């Protein structure tokens, strides 16, 4: 039986890997599909619970208004998430829209400075801890290679291909069809592997 998922974010493998066939998902769609509908909440009821005008909720779920810090705090308090979760959804959407609208032009117009040092790197286990935190808070259909370390991504690649290649899904589609329950033990195992490897690496360098 083919796997299904709510948000249409997989890519057609017959298209160029960089080409998108769906627009960015605005935060209001997540609010509606992942929180309001499963809980049977209308816009009016949620507005009452959050102590804000219903017009604000309606504008958000229809993509006409951004989630502000005030709204993020209220949503986080009510649904038991962090306010940062909602702000991250908004930031992710805004960035994707900007990339679609002006990303190529900016790449042509702006030349990077050659003398800027790169960002500090985390240890492998540190990156995997970050990935685990993301899985606990974020939606799987928002993931891309940039969101995870290479170690976690490679491990997920192995599992996704092993479990879902029979359904004819590309890797991104396979990953998106995996539930959080599927993903959590994979990340836990990856963290344990990375920590063991780092301990052995440290011992080896000391012994040398």
Protein backbone atom coordinates (compact mmCIF):
# COMPACT_ATOMS: atom_id res chain seq x y z
CA UNK A 1 0.00 0.00 0.00
CA UNK A 2 1.57 3.35 -0.98
CA UNK A 3 2.52 5.72 1.80
CA UNK A 4 0.77 9.08 1.95
CA UNK A 5 1.47 12.39 3.65
CA UNK A 6 -0.44 15.61 4.11
CA UNK A 7 1.78 18.27 2.62
CA UNK A 8 2.66 18.03 -1.09
CA UNK A 9 6.40 18.58 -0.93
CA UNK A 10 7.95 15.65 -2.76
CA UNK A 11 9.64 16.26 -6.07
CA UNK A 12 9.09 14.44 -9.34
CA UNK A 13 12.26 12.49 -10.13
CA UNK A 14 11.73 13.18 -13.83
CA UNK A 15 12.32 16.88 -13.17
CA UNK A 16 15.57 18.64 -12.46
CA UNK A 17 16.49 18.15 -8.79
CA UNK A 18 16.52 21.91 -8.25
CA UNK A 19 13.08 22.51 -9.75
CA UNK A 20 10.15 22.83 -7.36
CA UNK A 21 6.69 21.71 -8.36
CA UNK A 22 4.94 23.02 -5.25
CA UNK A 23 5.02 26.47 -3.67
CA UNK A 24 6.44 26.94 -0.15
CA UNK A 25 4.08 25.87 2.62
CA UNK A 26 2.99 28.85 4.67
CA UNK A 27 2.81 28.50 8.47
CA UNK A 28 -0.97 28.85 8.49
CA UNK A 29 -1.28 25.59 6.56
CA UNK A 30 0.67 23.79 9.27
CA UNK A 31 -1.52 25.41 11.91
CA UNK A 32 -4.69 24.34 10.13
CA UNK A 33 -3.71 20.84 9.00
CA UNK A 34 -1.57 19.69 11.92
CA UNK A 35 -3.24 21.36 14.88
CA UNK A 36 -6.69 22.80 14.25
CA UNK A 37 -8.24 20.05 12.11
CA UNK A 38 -7.00 17.10 14.21
CA UNK A 39 -8.31 18.81 17.36
CA UNK A 40 -11.57 19.97 15.80
CA UNK A 41 -10.76 23.63 16.41
CA UNK A 42 -12.46 26.35 14.40
CA UNK A 43 -10.78 29.69 13.81
CA UNK A 44 -13.26 31.32 16.17
CA UNK A 45 -12.65 28.80 18.95
CA UNK A 46 -8.87 29.06 18.65
CA UNK A 47 -9.08 32.85 18.64
CA UNK A 48 -11.13 32.75 21.85
CA UNK A 49 -8.60 30.44 23.49
CA UNK A 50 -5.68 32.64 22.43
CA UNK A 51 -7.48 35.88 23.36
CA UNK A 52 -6.97 37.39 19.91
CA UNK A 53 -9.35 38.46 17.10
CA UNK A 54 -10.64 35.67 14.87
CA UNK A 55 -9.62 37.74 11.86
CA UNK A 56 -5.98 37.20 12.84
CA UNK A 57 -6.33 33.42 12.82
CA UNK A 58 -8.27 33.48 9.55
CA UNK A 59 -5.63 35.64 7.90
CA UNK A 60 -2.85 33.31 9.09
CA UNK A 61 -4.47 30.07 7.91
CA UNK A 62 -5.21 31.63 4.52
CA UNK A 63 -1.63 32.83 4.09
CA UNK A 64 -2.56 36.51 4.29
CA UNK A 65 -0.71 37.28 7.50
CA UNK A 66 2.59 36.25 9.06
CA UNK A 67 2.97 34.73 12.51
CA UNK A 68 4.33 37.44 14.80
CA UNK A 69 6.21 36.98 18.04
CA UNK A 70 3.03 37.67 20.00
CA UNK A 71 1.06 35.06 18.07
CA UNK A 72 3.91 32.55 18.35
CA UNK A 73 3.96 32.93 22.12
CA UNK A 74 0.21 32.37 22.32
CA UNK A 75 0.25 29.36 19.99
CA UNK A 76 3.20 27.84 21.84
CA UNK A 77 1.49 28.28 25.18
CA UNK A 78 -1.79 26.79 24.00
CA UNK A 79 -0.49 23.82 22.00
CA UNK A 80 2.42 22.98 24.29
CA UNK A 81 5.14 23.77 21.76
CA UNK A 82 7.84 26.39 21.91
CA UNK A 83 7.20 29.84 20.48
CA UNK A 84 10.40 29.34 18.49
CA UNK A 85 8.75 26.43 16.66
CA UNK A 86 6.18 28.81 15.15
CA UNK A 87 8.75 31.51 14.44
CA UNK A 88 10.95 28.94 12.70
CA UNK A 89 8.05 27.92 10.47
CA UNK A 90 7.55 31.56 9.53
CA UNK A 91 11.25 32.17 8.95
CA UNK A 92 11.55 29.03 6.83
CA UNK A 93 8.60 30.10 4.69
CA UNK A 94 9.84 33.68 4.30
CA UNK A 95 13.27 32.45 3.24
CA UNK A 96 11.85 30.04 0.67
CA UNK A 97 9.66 32.78 -0.79
CA UNK A 98 12.65 35.12 -0.98
CA UNK A 99 14.77 32.44 -2.64
CA UNK A 100 12.05 31.77 -5.20
CA UNK A 101 11.51 35.46 -5.90
CA UNK A 102 15.05 36.82 -5.88
CA UNK A 103 17.53 34.06 -5.04
CA UNK A 104 19.04 33.73 -8.52
CA UNK A 105 19.30 37.49 -8.97
CA UNK A 106 21.01 37.89 -5.61
CA UNK A 107 23.51 35.16 -6.52
CA UNK A 108 24.37 37.09 -9.68
CA UNK A 109 24.46 40.52 -8.03
CA UNK A 110 26.22 39.83 -4.72
CA UNK A 111 29.80 38.54 -4.70
CA UNK A 112 30.86 36.79 -1.46
CA UNK A 113 33.89 38.15 0.39
CA UNK A 114 36.75 35.64 0.15
CA UNK A 115 38.19 36.42 3.59
CA UNK A 116 35.18 35.63 5.79
CA UNK A 117 35.82 32.61 8.05
CA UNK A 118 33.30 29.79 7.95
CA UNK A 119 30.85 29.15 10.79
CA UNK A 120 32.06 27.09 13.75
CA UNK A 121 31.42 23.39 13.31
CA UNK A 122 29.67 21.13 15.79
CA UNK A 123 30.88 17.68 16.68
CA UNK A 124 29.03 14.88 14.92
CA UNK A 125 27.11 14.02 18.08
CA UNK A 126 26.32 17.71 18.58
CA UNK A 127 24.87 17.94 15.08
CA UNK A 128 22.84 14.80 15.66
CA UNK A 129 21.49 16.18 18.94
CA UNK A 130 20.35 19.21 16.98
CA UNK A 131 18.70 16.92 14.42
CA UNK A 132 16.89 15.03 17.19
CA UNK A 133 15.60 18.30 18.65
CA UNK A 134 14.36 19.28 15.20
CA UNK A 135 12.47 16.01 14.80
CA UNK A 136 10.81 16.53 18.17
CA UNK A 137 9.54 19.97 17.19
CA UNK A 138 9.43 20.19 13.41
CA UNK A 139 7.51 18.59 10.57
CA UNK A 140 9.26 15.97 8.49
CA UNK A 141 8.12 17.53 5.22
CA UNK A 142 10.21 20.61 6.01
CA UNK A 143 13.45 18.66 6.07
CA UNK A 144 16.21 18.98 3.51
CA UNK A 145 19.87 18.06 3.44
CA UNK A 146 20.74 21.43 4.96
CA UNK A 147 18.77 20.61 8.10
CA UNK A 148 20.86 17.65 9.17
CA UNK A 149 24.44 16.56 9.48
CA UNK A 150 25.86 14.24 6.85
CA UNK A 151 26.07 11.42 9.36
CA UNK A 152 22.39 11.52 10.26
CA UNK A 153 21.36 12.05 6.65
CA UNK A 154 23.37 9.04 5.46
CA UNK A 155 21.89 6.81 8.14
CA UNK A 156 18.37 7.95 7.27
CA UNK A 157 19.18 7.41 3.62
CA UNK A 158 20.01 3.78 4.29
CA UNK A 159 16.86 3.17 6.30
CA UNK A 160 14.54 5.04 3.96
CA UNK A 161 15.81 3.23 0.87
CA UNK A 162 15.64 -0.15 2.60
CA UNK A 163 12.09 0.38 3.87
CA UNK A 164 10.45 2.31 1.04
CA UNK A 165 12.15 1.60 -2.28
CA UNK A 166 9.44 -0.97 -3.07
CA UNK A 167 6.89 1.86 -3.27
CA UNK A 168 8.77 3.65 -6.03
CA UNK A 169 9.30 6.82 -3.98
CA UNK A 170 12.34 9.03 -4.38
CA UNK A 171 14.43 9.47 -1.24
CA UNK A 172 12.82 12.74 -0.19
CA UNK A 173 9.37 11.20 -0.59
CA UNK A 174 10.44 8.16 1.40
CA UNK A 175 11.78 10.31 4.20
CA UNK A 176 8.64 12.45 4.32
CA UNK A 177 6.47 9.35 4.57
CA UNK A 178 8.28 8.22 7.71
CA UNK A 179 6.56 9.09 10.94
CA UNK A 180 8.28 10.73 13.90
CA UNK A 181 7.97 7.38 15.68
CA UNK A 182 10.02 5.82 12.86
CA UNK A 183 12.64 8.56 12.91
CA UNK A 184 13.31 8.94 16.65
CA UNK A 185 15.10 5.61 17.27
CA UNK A 186 17.17 6.15 14.13
CA UNK A 187 18.44 9.49 15.42
CA UNK A 188 19.05 7.99 18.88
CA UNK A 189 21.13 5.22 17.34
CA UNK A 190 23.06 7.69 15.21
CA UNK A 191 23.88 9.80 18.28
CA UNK A 192 25.15 6.75 20.16
CA UNK A 193 27.33 5.75 17.20
CA UNK A 194 28.73 9.25 16.86
CA UNK A 195 29.48 9.55 20.57
CA UNK A 196 31.27 6.18 20.61
CA UNK A 197 33.29 7.18 17.55
CA UNK A 198 34.25 10.51 19.11
CA UNK A 199 35.30 8.86 22.38
CA UNK A 200 37.46 6.34 20.50
CA UNK A 201 38.91 9.12 18.38
CA UNK A 202 39.83 11.14 21.47
CA UNK A 203 41.42 8.12 23.14
CA UNK A 204 43.41 7.41 19.99
CA UNK A 205 44.73 10.96 19.77
CA UNK A 206 45.73 10.94 23.45
CA UNK A 207 47.47 7.59 23.08
CA UNK A 208 49.32 8.87 20.02
